[in-house]
């Protein structure tokens, strides 16, 4: 038994290969990079290394990585703000062509849970379970958005922990006017003395 089977890389590579099998275009895009390794870092978790196999699948383990993808600790919060914020919470270093393909995979690989469930339980049950899961996730996202809005309102209006944007801009403009007035006063004093 190989050592990499005891790590998180092995189940992760099985799941990734399942997604790749569902989208042949993704495997075609990875095929030219056969033999190269990609390392995924998400501190404080151990790094996971994957080698791209001929045919576009991946295998856990590998040599010196051609590409290193580091997930910053702020990624979960950035995901809630959208894809642009999430991409800023990821550091990528190494082969630029491989990085572009991995970026394409991140944006386009999706798990079709309903299809997998339909093979196990039938179409009707799979459809209802998937719809229930989507509704539950939408409810969670709505609740999180409402909670964040309520906290922001509390922090700016009631407890005054934070300053409202308009108030901050007004204060910054007043400070700027004061700075300009001081500069004019210094010039006048310089002309008198």
N, C-alpha and C. Protein backbone atom coordinates (compact mmCIF):
# COMPACT_ATOMS: atom_id res chain seq x y z
N UNK A 1 0.84 -1.19 0.00
CA UNK A 1 0.00 0.00 0.00
C UNK A 1 0.88 1.24 0.00
N UNK A 2 0.55 2.19 -0.84
CA UNK A 2 1.35 3.42 -0.95
C UNK A 2 1.04 4.35 0.20
N UNK A 3 2.03 5.18 0.56
CA UNK A 3 1.88 6.11 1.68
C UNK A 3 0.83 7.18 1.43
N UNK A 4 0.68 7.65 0.15
CA UNK A 4 -0.24 8.76 -0.10
C UNK A 4 -1.70 8.35 0.06
N UNK A 5 -2.00 7.07 0.14
CA UNK A 5 -3.37 6.62 0.34
C UNK A 5 -3.85 6.92 1.77
N UNK A 6 -2.92 7.16 2.68
CA UNK A 6 -3.27 7.46 4.06
C UNK A 6 -3.50 8.95 4.29
N UNK A 7 -3.33 9.76 3.26
CA UNK A 7 -3.49 11.20 3.41
C UNK A 7 -4.85 11.64 2.88
N UNK A 8 -5.14 12.93 3.06
CA UNK A 8 -6.38 13.49 2.52
C UNK A 8 -6.34 13.58 0.99
N UNK A 9 -5.16 13.51 0.40
CA UNK A 9 -5.02 13.62 -1.04
C UNK A 9 -5.74 12.52 -1.79
N UNK A 10 -5.74 11.34 -1.25
CA UNK A 10 -6.36 10.20 -1.94
C UNK A 10 -7.87 10.37 -2.11
N UNK A 11 -8.66 10.64 -1.05
CA UNK A 11 -10.10 10.84 -1.28
C UNK A 11 -10.39 12.10 -2.11
N UNK A 12 -9.56 13.13 -1.94
CA UNK A 12 -9.75 14.35 -2.71
C UNK A 12 -9.53 14.08 -4.20
N UNK A 13 -8.52 13.28 -4.51
CA UNK A 13 -8.26 12.96 -5.92
C UNK A 13 -9.39 12.10 -6.50
N UNK A 14 -9.98 11.21 -5.70
CA UNK A 14 -11.13 10.43 -6.19
C UNK A 14 -12.31 11.34 -6.52
N UNK A 15 -12.58 12.29 -5.63
CA UNK A 15 -13.69 13.22 -5.87
C UNK A 15 -13.41 14.09 -7.09
N UNK A 16 -12.18 14.58 -7.22
CA UNK A 16 -11.82 15.41 -8.37
C UNK A 16 -11.92 14.62 -9.67
N UNK A 17 -11.46 13.38 -9.65
CA UNK A 17 -11.57 12.53 -10.84
C UNK A 17 -13.03 12.27 -11.21
N UNK A 18 -13.90 12.14 -10.21
CA UNK A 18 -15.34 11.97 -10.49
C UNK A 18 -15.88 13.19 -11.23
N UNK A 19 -15.49 14.39 -10.77
CA UNK A 19 -15.91 15.62 -11.45
C UNK A 19 -15.33 15.70 -12.85
N UNK A 20 -14.07 15.32 -13.00
CA UNK A 20 -13.43 15.37 -14.31
C UNK A 20 -14.08 14.38 -15.28
N UNK A 21 -14.48 13.21 -14.79
CA UNK A 21 -15.15 12.22 -15.65
C UNK A 21 -16.47 12.75 -16.18
N UNK A 22 -17.14 13.58 -15.40
CA UNK A 22 -18.44 14.12 -15.81
C UNK A 22 -18.28 15.22 -16.86
N UNK A 23 -17.08 15.81 -16.98
CA UNK A 23 -16.85 16.87 -17.96
C UNK A 23 -15.60 16.55 -18.78
N UNK A 24 -15.78 15.85 -19.90
CA UNK A 24 -14.63 15.45 -20.73
C UNK A 24 -13.76 16.63 -21.18
N UNK A 25 -14.36 17.81 -21.38
CA UNK A 25 -13.58 18.98 -21.80
C UNK A 25 -12.52 19.32 -20.75
N UNK A 26 -12.86 19.13 -19.48
CA UNK A 26 -11.91 19.43 -18.41
C UNK A 26 -10.70 18.49 -18.49
N UNK A 27 -10.95 17.22 -18.75
CA UNK A 27 -9.83 16.28 -18.87
C UNK A 27 -8.97 16.61 -20.08
N UNK A 28 -9.59 17.04 -21.16
CA UNK A 28 -8.83 17.42 -22.35
C UNK A 28 -7.93 18.62 -22.06
N UNK A 29 -8.42 19.54 -21.26
CA UNK A 29 -7.64 20.73 -20.94
C UNK A 29 -6.44 20.39 -20.04
N UNK A 30 -6.58 19.36 -19.19
CA UNK A 30 -5.47 18.98 -18.31
C UNK A 30 -4.47 18.04 -18.98
N UNK A 31 -4.89 17.31 -20.00
CA UNK A 31 -4.03 16.31 -20.65
C UNK A 31 -2.65 16.81 -21.06
N UNK A 32 -2.54 18.02 -21.62
CA UNK A 32 -1.19 18.47 -22.02
C UNK A 32 -0.20 18.63 -20.87
N UNK A 33 -0.71 18.64 -19.65
CA UNK A 33 0.16 18.86 -18.48
C UNK A 33 0.48 17.54 -17.76
N UNK A 34 0.28 16.41 -18.44
CA UNK A 34 0.54 15.10 -17.84
C UNK A 34 1.97 15.05 -17.29
N UNK A 35 2.09 14.52 -16.09
CA UNK A 35 3.38 14.39 -15.43
C UNK A 35 3.72 15.56 -14.51
N UNK A 36 3.01 16.67 -14.64
CA UNK A 36 3.27 17.82 -13.78
C UNK A 36 2.44 17.69 -12.50
N UNK A 37 2.93 18.32 -11.45
CA UNK A 37 2.25 18.25 -10.15
C UNK A 37 1.72 19.62 -9.75
N UNK A 38 0.62 19.58 -9.00
CA UNK A 38 0.01 20.79 -8.45
C UNK A 38 -0.09 20.58 -6.94
N UNK A 39 0.34 21.60 -6.18
CA UNK A 39 0.26 21.52 -4.73
C UNK A 39 -0.80 22.49 -4.24
N UNK A 40 -1.69 22.00 -3.40
CA UNK A 40 -2.75 22.81 -2.81
C UNK A 40 -2.43 23.00 -1.33
N UNK A 41 -2.31 24.29 -0.93
CA UNK A 41 -2.01 24.61 0.47
C UNK A 41 -3.18 25.39 1.06
N UNK A 42 -3.58 24.98 2.23
CA UNK A 42 -4.64 25.66 2.97
C UNK A 42 -4.27 25.63 4.44
N UNK A 43 -3.30 26.49 4.83
CA UNK A 43 -2.85 26.46 6.22
C UNK A 43 -4.01 26.62 7.19
N UNK A 44 -4.04 25.92 8.27
CA UNK A 44 -3.03 25.08 8.89
C UNK A 44 -3.10 23.61 8.46
N UNK A 45 -3.91 23.27 7.48
CA UNK A 45 -4.01 21.89 7.01
C UNK A 45 -2.74 21.50 6.26
N UNK A 46 -2.45 20.20 6.19
CA UNK A 46 -1.26 19.79 5.43
C UNK A 46 -1.46 20.03 3.93
N UNK A 47 -0.38 20.29 3.24
CA UNK A 47 -0.44 20.52 1.80
C UNK A 47 -0.79 19.22 1.08
N UNK A 48 -1.56 19.34 -0.01
CA UNK A 48 -1.93 18.20 -0.84
C UNK A 48 -1.28 18.37 -2.20
N UNK A 49 -0.63 17.31 -2.67
CA UNK A 49 0.02 17.35 -3.98
C UNK A 49 -0.65 16.35 -4.89
N UNK A 50 -0.90 16.78 -6.13
CA UNK A 50 -1.55 15.93 -7.13
C UNK A 50 -0.73 15.94 -8.40
N UNK A 51 -0.61 14.77 -9.02
CA UNK A 51 0.07 14.65 -10.30
C UNK A 51 -0.98 14.46 -11.37
N UNK A 52 -0.83 15.17 -12.48
CA UNK A 52 -1.75 15.04 -13.60
C UNK A 52 -1.32 13.84 -14.42
N UNK A 53 -2.25 12.94 -14.66
CA UNK A 53 -1.98 11.72 -15.41
C UNK A 53 -2.31 11.90 -16.89
N UNK A 54 -1.74 11.06 -17.75
CA UNK A 54 -2.15 11.10 -19.15
C UNK A 54 -3.66 10.84 -19.23
N UNK A 55 -4.35 11.57 -20.03
CA UNK A 55 -5.80 11.44 -20.11
C UNK A 55 -6.53 12.48 -19.28
N UNK A 56 -5.80 13.26 -18.46
CA UNK A 56 -6.42 14.37 -17.75
C UNK A 56 -6.93 14.07 -16.36
N UNK A 57 -6.73 12.87 -15.84
CA UNK A 57 -7.13 12.60 -14.46
C UNK A 57 -5.97 12.99 -13.53
N UNK A 58 -6.21 12.92 -12.22
CA UNK A 58 -5.18 13.27 -11.25
C UNK A 58 -4.96 12.11 -10.28
N UNK A 59 -3.78 12.13 -9.66
CA UNK A 59 -3.43 11.11 -8.68
C UNK A 59 -2.77 11.82 -7.51
N UNK A 60 -3.08 11.37 -6.30
CA UNK A 60 -2.48 11.96 -5.10
C UNK A 60 -0.98 11.71 -5.09
N UNK A 61 -0.24 12.70 -4.62
CA UNK A 61 1.20 12.58 -4.53
C UNK A 61 1.88 13.17 -5.75
N UNK A 62 3.18 13.25 -5.70
CA UNK A 62 3.92 13.76 -6.84
C UNK A 62 5.24 14.37 -6.43
N UNK A 63 5.98 14.78 -7.44
CA UNK A 63 7.30 15.36 -7.23
C UNK A 63 7.17 16.86 -6.98
N UNK A 64 8.23 17.58 -7.29
CA UNK A 64 8.26 19.04 -7.14
C UNK A 64 7.10 19.65 -7.93
N UNK A 65 6.25 20.44 -7.27
CA UNK A 65 5.08 20.98 -7.96
C UNK A 65 5.44 22.04 -9.01
N UNK A 66 4.75 21.97 -10.15
CA UNK A 66 4.90 23.00 -11.18
C UNK A 66 4.03 24.21 -10.85
N UNK A 67 3.03 23.97 -9.99
CA UNK A 67 2.10 25.03 -9.61
C UNK A 67 1.76 24.87 -8.14
N UNK A 68 1.77 25.98 -7.40
CA UNK A 68 1.39 25.98 -5.99
C UNK A 68 0.20 26.92 -5.83
N UNK A 69 -0.91 26.39 -5.30
CA UNK A 69 -2.12 27.17 -5.05
C UNK A 69 -2.29 27.25 -3.54
N UNK A 70 -2.27 28.48 -3.00
CA UNK A 70 -2.39 28.69 -1.56
C UNK A 70 -3.71 29.39 -1.26
N UNK A 71 -4.53 28.76 -0.43
CA UNK A 71 -5.80 29.33 -0.01
C UNK A 71 -5.56 30.12 1.28
N UNK A 72 -5.80 31.42 1.23
CA UNK A 72 -5.59 32.27 2.40
C UNK A 72 -6.70 32.04 3.42
N UNK A 73 -6.44 32.33 4.70
CA UNK A 73 -7.45 32.12 5.74
C UNK A 73 -8.74 32.93 5.51
N UNK A 74 -8.66 34.04 4.78
CA UNK A 74 -9.86 34.86 4.57
C UNK A 74 -10.75 34.35 3.44
N UNK A 75 -10.41 33.20 2.83
CA UNK A 75 -11.19 32.67 1.71
C UNK A 75 -12.66 32.43 2.04
N UNK A 76 -13.00 31.81 3.18
CA UNK A 76 -14.44 31.59 3.45
C UNK A 76 -15.25 32.88 3.48
N UNK A 77 -14.71 33.92 4.08
CA UNK A 77 -15.44 35.20 4.10
C UNK A 77 -15.50 35.80 2.70
N UNK A 78 -14.44 35.64 1.93
CA UNK A 78 -14.41 36.18 0.57
C UNK A 78 -15.40 35.46 -0.34
N UNK A 79 -15.60 34.17 -0.12
CA UNK A 79 -16.56 33.41 -0.93
C UNK A 79 -17.96 33.99 -0.80
N UNK A 80 -18.29 34.47 0.39
CA UNK A 80 -19.62 35.04 0.61
C UNK A 80 -19.80 36.33 -0.18
N UNK A 81 -18.70 37.01 -0.50
CA UNK A 81 -18.78 38.28 -1.22
C UNK A 81 -18.80 38.10 -2.73
N UNK A 82 -18.47 36.91 -3.21
CA UNK A 82 -18.50 36.67 -4.65
C UNK A 82 -17.18 36.16 -5.19
N UNK A 83 -17.21 35.78 -6.47
CA UNK A 83 -16.06 35.16 -7.10
C UNK A 83 -14.84 36.08 -7.15
N UNK A 84 -15.04 37.36 -7.43
CA UNK A 84 -13.91 38.28 -7.52
C UNK A 84 -13.15 38.37 -6.20
N UNK A 85 -13.88 38.47 -5.10
CA UNK A 85 -13.24 38.54 -3.78
C UNK A 85 -12.56 37.21 -3.45
N UNK A 86 -13.22 36.12 -3.82
CA UNK A 86 -12.64 34.80 -3.54
C UNK A 86 -11.32 34.61 -4.29
N UNK A 87 -11.26 35.05 -5.54
CA UNK A 87 -10.03 34.89 -6.31
C UNK A 87 -8.88 35.70 -5.72
N UNK A 88 -9.18 36.81 -5.04
CA UNK A 88 -8.13 37.60 -4.39
C UNK A 88 -7.61 36.92 -3.13
N UNK A 89 -8.36 35.95 -2.61
CA UNK A 89 -7.95 35.23 -1.41
C UNK A 89 -7.19 33.95 -1.75
N UNK A 90 -6.76 33.84 -3.01
CA UNK A 90 -6.01 32.67 -3.46
C UNK A 90 -4.71 33.15 -4.10
N UNK A 91 -3.58 32.62 -3.62
CA UNK A 91 -2.27 32.92 -4.21
C UNK A 91 -1.87 31.78 -5.12
N UNK A 92 -1.41 32.11 -6.31
CA UNK A 92 -1.00 31.10 -7.28
C UNK A 92 0.41 31.44 -7.73
N UNK A 93 1.31 30.44 -7.71
CA UNK A 93 2.67 30.66 -8.19
C UNK A 93 3.12 29.42 -8.96
N UNK A 94 3.85 29.69 -10.04
CA UNK A 94 4.34 28.59 -10.85
C UNK A 94 3.97 28.76 -12.32
N UNK A 95 3.82 27.66 -13.02
CA UNK A 95 3.53 27.62 -14.45
C UNK A 95 2.24 28.38 -14.78
N UNK A 96 2.36 29.43 -15.58
CA UNK A 96 1.20 30.28 -15.87
C UNK A 96 0.14 29.57 -16.71
N UNK A 97 0.57 28.76 -17.67
CA UNK A 97 -0.41 28.03 -18.50
C UNK A 97 -1.20 27.04 -17.65
N UNK A 98 -0.51 26.32 -16.79
CA UNK A 98 -1.19 25.38 -15.89
C UNK A 98 -2.10 26.13 -14.92
N UNK A 99 -1.65 27.28 -14.45
CA UNK A 99 -2.47 28.10 -13.55
C UNK A 99 -3.76 28.53 -14.24
N UNK A 100 -3.67 28.89 -15.52
CA UNK A 100 -4.86 29.30 -16.27
C UNK A 100 -5.85 28.14 -16.38
N UNK A 101 -5.35 26.95 -16.62
CA UNK A 101 -6.23 25.77 -16.75
C UNK A 101 -6.85 25.40 -15.40
N UNK A 102 -6.07 25.48 -14.34
CA UNK A 102 -6.61 25.19 -13.00
C UNK A 102 -7.66 26.24 -12.64
N UNK A 103 -7.42 27.49 -13.00
CA UNK A 103 -8.41 28.54 -12.77
C UNK A 103 -9.70 28.26 -13.54
N UNK A 104 -9.57 27.77 -14.77
CA UNK A 104 -10.74 27.41 -15.57
C UNK A 104 -11.51 26.29 -14.87
N UNK A 105 -10.78 25.30 -14.36
CA UNK A 105 -11.42 24.19 -13.65
C UNK A 105 -12.19 24.68 -12.43
N UNK A 106 -11.58 25.58 -11.66
CA UNK A 106 -12.22 26.10 -10.46
C UNK A 106 -13.53 26.81 -10.81
N UNK A 107 -13.52 27.55 -11.90
CA UNK A 107 -14.72 28.29 -12.30
C UNK A 107 -15.78 27.41 -12.97
N UNK A 108 -15.38 26.29 -13.58
CA UNK A 108 -16.33 25.54 -14.40
C UNK A 108 -16.68 24.14 -13.93
N UNK A 109 -15.87 23.52 -13.09
CA UNK A 109 -16.21 22.18 -12.61
C UNK A 109 -17.32 22.27 -11.58
N UNK A 110 -18.39 21.58 -11.81
CA UNK A 110 -19.52 21.57 -10.88
C UNK A 110 -19.98 20.13 -10.68
N UNK A 111 -20.36 19.85 -9.45
CA UNK A 111 -20.88 18.53 -9.13
C UNK A 111 -22.37 18.51 -9.42
N UNK A 112 -22.80 17.55 -10.23
CA UNK A 112 -24.22 17.37 -10.51
C UNK A 112 -24.74 16.34 -9.52
N UNK A 113 -25.04 16.80 -8.32
CA UNK A 113 -25.49 15.90 -7.25
C UNK A 113 -26.77 15.20 -7.62
N UNK A 114 -27.65 15.92 -8.30
CA UNK A 114 -28.94 15.33 -8.67
C UNK A 114 -28.74 14.12 -9.58
N UNK A 115 -27.79 14.20 -10.51
CA UNK A 115 -27.51 13.07 -11.41
C UNK A 115 -26.97 11.88 -10.64
N UNK A 116 -26.04 12.13 -9.72
CA UNK A 116 -25.48 11.03 -8.93
C UNK A 116 -26.53 10.40 -8.03
N UNK A 117 -27.37 11.23 -7.41
CA UNK A 117 -28.43 10.70 -6.55
C UNK A 117 -29.46 9.91 -7.35
N UNK A 118 -29.73 10.34 -8.58
CA UNK A 118 -30.74 9.64 -9.39
C UNK A 118 -30.28 8.22 -9.72
N UNK A 119 -28.98 8.00 -9.83
CA UNK A 119 -28.49 6.63 -10.08
C UNK A 119 -28.73 5.73 -8.87
N UNK A 120 -28.72 6.32 -7.67
CA UNK A 120 -28.91 5.54 -6.45
C UNK A 120 -30.37 5.39 -6.05
N UNK A 121 -31.15 6.47 -6.20
CA UNK A 121 -32.50 6.48 -5.63
C UNK A 121 -33.62 6.70 -6.63
N UNK A 122 -33.29 7.01 -7.84
CA UNK A 122 -34.33 7.29 -8.82
C UNK A 122 -34.46 8.79 -9.04
N UNK A 123 -35.06 9.15 -10.16
CA UNK A 123 -35.13 10.55 -10.57
C UNK A 123 -35.98 11.42 -9.65
N UNK A 124 -37.15 10.94 -9.24
CA UNK A 124 -38.07 11.76 -8.44
C UNK A 124 -37.45 12.08 -7.08
N UNK A 125 -36.94 11.06 -6.40
CA UNK A 125 -36.35 11.27 -5.08
C UNK A 125 -35.12 12.18 -5.19
N UNK A 126 -34.29 11.95 -6.21
CA UNK A 126 -33.10 12.77 -6.40
C UNK A 126 -33.47 14.23 -6.64
N UNK A 127 -34.49 14.45 -7.47
CA UNK A 127 -34.93 15.81 -7.76
C UNK A 127 -35.42 16.50 -6.49
N UNK A 128 -36.20 15.79 -5.69
CA UNK A 128 -36.73 16.40 -4.46
C UNK A 128 -35.63 16.67 -3.44
N UNK A 129 -34.70 15.74 -3.30
CA UNK A 129 -33.59 15.96 -2.37
C UNK A 129 -32.72 17.13 -2.82
N UNK A 130 -32.43 17.20 -4.11
CA UNK A 130 -31.60 18.29 -4.62
C UNK A 130 -32.31 19.63 -4.45
N UNK A 131 -33.62 19.67 -4.73
CA UNK A 131 -34.37 20.91 -4.56
C UNK A 131 -34.39 21.32 -3.09
N UNK A 132 -34.58 20.34 -2.20
CA UNK A 132 -34.56 20.64 -0.77
C UNK A 132 -33.21 21.17 -0.32
N UNK A 133 -32.14 20.59 -0.83
CA UNK A 133 -30.79 21.07 -0.47
C UNK A 133 -30.57 22.48 -1.00
N UNK A 134 -30.99 22.76 -2.25
CA UNK A 134 -30.84 24.11 -2.80
C UNK A 134 -31.65 25.12 -1.98
N UNK A 135 -32.87 24.74 -1.63
CA UNK A 135 -33.70 25.65 -0.82
C UNK A 135 -33.07 25.90 0.55
N UNK A 136 -32.52 24.85 1.16
CA UNK A 136 -31.88 24.99 2.46
C UNK A 136 -30.67 25.91 2.36
N UNK A 137 -29.84 25.73 1.33
CA UNK A 137 -28.66 26.58 1.16
C UNK A 137 -29.05 28.03 0.87
N UNK A 138 -30.11 28.21 0.09
CA UNK A 138 -30.58 29.57 -0.19
C UNK A 138 -31.08 30.23 1.10
N UNK A 139 -31.77 29.46 1.93
CA UNK A 139 -32.25 29.98 3.21
C UNK A 139 -31.06 30.37 4.09
N UNK A 140 -30.02 29.52 4.12
CA UNK A 140 -28.83 29.82 4.92
C UNK A 140 -28.14 31.09 4.43
N UNK A 141 -28.01 31.24 3.11
CA UNK A 141 -27.37 32.43 2.55
C UNK A 141 -28.19 33.68 2.86
N UNK A 142 -29.52 33.57 2.76
CA UNK A 142 -30.38 34.70 3.07
C UNK A 142 -30.27 35.08 4.55
N UNK A 143 -30.25 34.06 5.42
CA UNK A 143 -30.13 34.33 6.85
C UNK A 143 -28.78 34.98 7.16
N UNK A 144 -27.71 34.52 6.52
CA UNK A 144 -26.38 35.10 6.75
C UNK A 144 -26.34 36.55 6.27
N UNK A 145 -26.95 36.82 5.11
CA UNK A 145 -26.97 38.19 4.58
C UNK A 145 -27.76 39.11 5.50
N UNK A 146 -28.90 38.62 6.00
CA UNK A 146 -29.70 39.44 6.91
C UNK A 146 -28.97 39.70 8.22
N UNK A 147 -28.29 38.68 8.73
CA UNK A 147 -27.53 38.83 9.96
C UNK A 147 -26.39 39.84 9.78
N UNK A 148 -25.69 39.76 8.65
CA UNK A 148 -24.60 40.70 8.38
C UNK A 148 -25.15 42.12 8.26
N UNK A 149 -26.28 42.28 7.59
CA UNK A 149 -26.87 43.62 7.44
C UNK A 149 -27.31 44.16 8.80
N UNK A 150 -27.89 43.30 9.63
CA UNK A 150 -28.34 43.74 10.95
C UNK A 150 -27.14 44.13 11.82
N UNK A 151 -26.06 43.36 11.75
CA UNK A 151 -24.87 43.70 12.53
C UNK A 151 -24.27 45.02 12.05
N UNK A 152 -24.20 45.21 10.73
CA UNK A 152 -23.66 46.46 10.18
C UNK A 152 -24.50 47.64 10.64
N UNK A 153 -25.82 47.48 10.62
CA UNK A 153 -26.72 48.55 11.06
C UNK A 153 -26.50 48.83 12.55
N UNK A 154 -26.41 47.79 13.36
CA UNK A 154 -26.18 47.95 14.79
C UNK A 154 -24.84 48.64 15.05
N UNK A 155 -23.78 48.18 14.33
CA UNK A 155 -22.44 48.71 14.56
C UNK A 155 -22.31 50.17 14.15
N UNK A 156 -23.06 50.60 13.13
CA UNK A 156 -22.93 51.99 12.67
C UNK A 156 -23.94 52.93 13.32
N UNK A 157 -25.15 52.44 13.58
CA UNK A 157 -26.20 53.34 14.04
C UNK A 157 -26.42 53.31 15.56
N UNK A 158 -26.44 52.12 16.14
CA UNK A 158 -26.80 52.03 17.56
C UNK A 158 -25.60 52.09 18.49
N UNK A 159 -24.62 51.23 18.26
CA UNK A 159 -23.49 51.19 19.20
C UNK A 159 -22.37 52.14 18.82
N UNK A 160 -22.37 52.60 17.59
CA UNK A 160 -21.36 53.52 17.07
C UNK A 160 -19.96 52.92 17.11
N UNK A 161 -19.88 51.59 16.99
CA UNK A 161 -18.58 50.93 16.90
C UNK A 161 -17.90 51.33 15.60
N UNK A 162 -18.70 51.40 14.54
CA UNK A 162 -18.20 51.80 13.23
C UNK A 162 -18.80 53.14 12.83
N UNK A 163 -18.15 53.80 11.92
CA UNK A 163 -18.62 55.09 11.42
C UNK A 163 -19.29 54.86 10.07
N UNK A 164 -20.43 55.50 9.86
CA UNK A 164 -21.12 55.39 8.58
C UNK A 164 -20.27 56.02 7.49
N UNK A 165 -20.39 55.51 6.27
CA UNK A 165 -19.58 55.99 5.15
C UNK A 165 -19.77 57.49 4.92
N UNK A 166 -21.00 57.97 4.92
CA UNK A 166 -21.25 59.39 4.68
C UNK A 166 -20.61 60.25 5.76
N UNK A 167 -20.69 59.80 7.00
CA UNK A 167 -20.09 60.55 8.11
C UNK A 167 -18.57 60.58 7.98
N UNK A 168 -17.99 59.45 7.58
CA UNK A 168 -16.54 59.36 7.39
C UNK A 168 -16.09 60.29 6.27
N UNK A 169 -16.82 60.30 5.15
CA UNK A 169 -16.47 61.18 4.03
C UNK A 169 -16.58 62.64 4.42
N UNK A 170 -17.60 62.98 5.19
CA UNK A 170 -17.77 64.37 5.66
C UNK A 170 -16.61 64.77 6.55
N UNK A 171 -16.20 63.88 7.47
CA UNK A 171 -15.08 64.16 8.36
C UNK A 171 -13.79 64.31 7.56
N UNK A 172 -13.57 63.43 6.58
CA UNK A 172 -12.36 63.49 5.76
C UNK A 172 -12.31 64.81 4.98
N UNK A 173 -13.45 65.26 4.47
CA UNK A 173 -13.50 66.53 3.74
C UNK A 173 -13.18 67.70 4.68
N UNK A 174 -13.70 67.66 5.91
CA UNK A 174 -13.43 68.72 6.88
C UNK A 174 -11.95 68.75 7.24
N UNK A 175 -11.33 67.58 7.41
CA UNK A 175 -9.90 67.52 7.72
C UNK A 175 -9.09 68.07 6.55
N UNK A 176 -9.50 67.76 5.34
CA UNK A 176 -8.81 68.27 4.16
C UNK A 176 -8.90 69.80 4.08
N UNK A 177 -10.09 70.35 4.36
CA UNK A 177 -10.25 71.82 4.36
C UNK A 177 -9.38 72.46 5.44
N UNK A 178 -9.32 71.84 6.62
CA UNK A 178 -8.49 72.36 7.70
C UNK A 178 -7.01 72.33 7.31
N UNK A 179 -6.56 71.24 6.69
CA UNK A 179 -5.17 71.14 6.25
C UNK A 179 -4.85 72.25 5.25
N UNK A 180 -5.75 72.48 4.30
CA UNK A 180 -5.54 73.54 3.31
C UNK A 180 -5.48 74.92 3.98
N UNK A 181 -6.37 75.15 4.95
CA UNK A 181 -6.37 76.43 5.66
C UNK A 181 -5.07 76.62 6.44
N UNK A 182 -4.57 75.56 7.06
CA UNK A 182 -3.29 75.65 7.79
C UNK A 182 -2.14 75.96 6.83
N UNK A 183 -2.14 75.36 5.67
CA UNK A 183 -1.08 75.63 4.69
C UNK A 183 -1.12 77.10 4.25
N UNK A 184 -2.33 77.62 4.02
CA UNK A 184 -2.46 79.04 3.65
C UNK A 184 -1.97 79.94 4.78
N UNK A 185 -2.31 79.58 6.02
CA UNK A 185 -1.87 80.37 7.17
C UNK A 185 -0.35 80.35 7.30
N UNK A 186 0.27 79.17 7.11
CA UNK A 186 1.73 79.08 7.16
C UNK A 186 2.39 79.95 6.09
N UNK A 187 1.79 79.99 4.90
CA UNK A 187 2.35 80.85 3.84
C UNK A 187 2.24 82.32 4.21
N UNK A 188 1.12 82.73 4.79
CA UNK A 188 0.95 84.13 5.21
C UNK A 188 1.97 84.49 6.29
N UNK A 189 2.14 83.59 7.25
CA UNK A 189 3.13 83.85 8.32
C UNK A 189 4.52 83.91 7.73
N UNK A 190 4.80 83.09 6.74
CA UNK A 190 6.11 83.11 6.07
C UNK A 190 6.34 84.41 5.35
N UNK A 191 5.30 84.99 4.73
CA UNK A 191 5.43 86.27 4.04
C UNK A 191 5.60 87.41 5.03
N UNK A 192 5.03 87.34 6.20
CA UNK A 192 5.15 88.40 7.21
C UNK A 192 6.52 88.39 7.87
N UNK A 193 7.07 87.20 8.05
CA UNK A 193 8.32 87.10 8.81
C UNK A 193 9.49 87.17 7.96
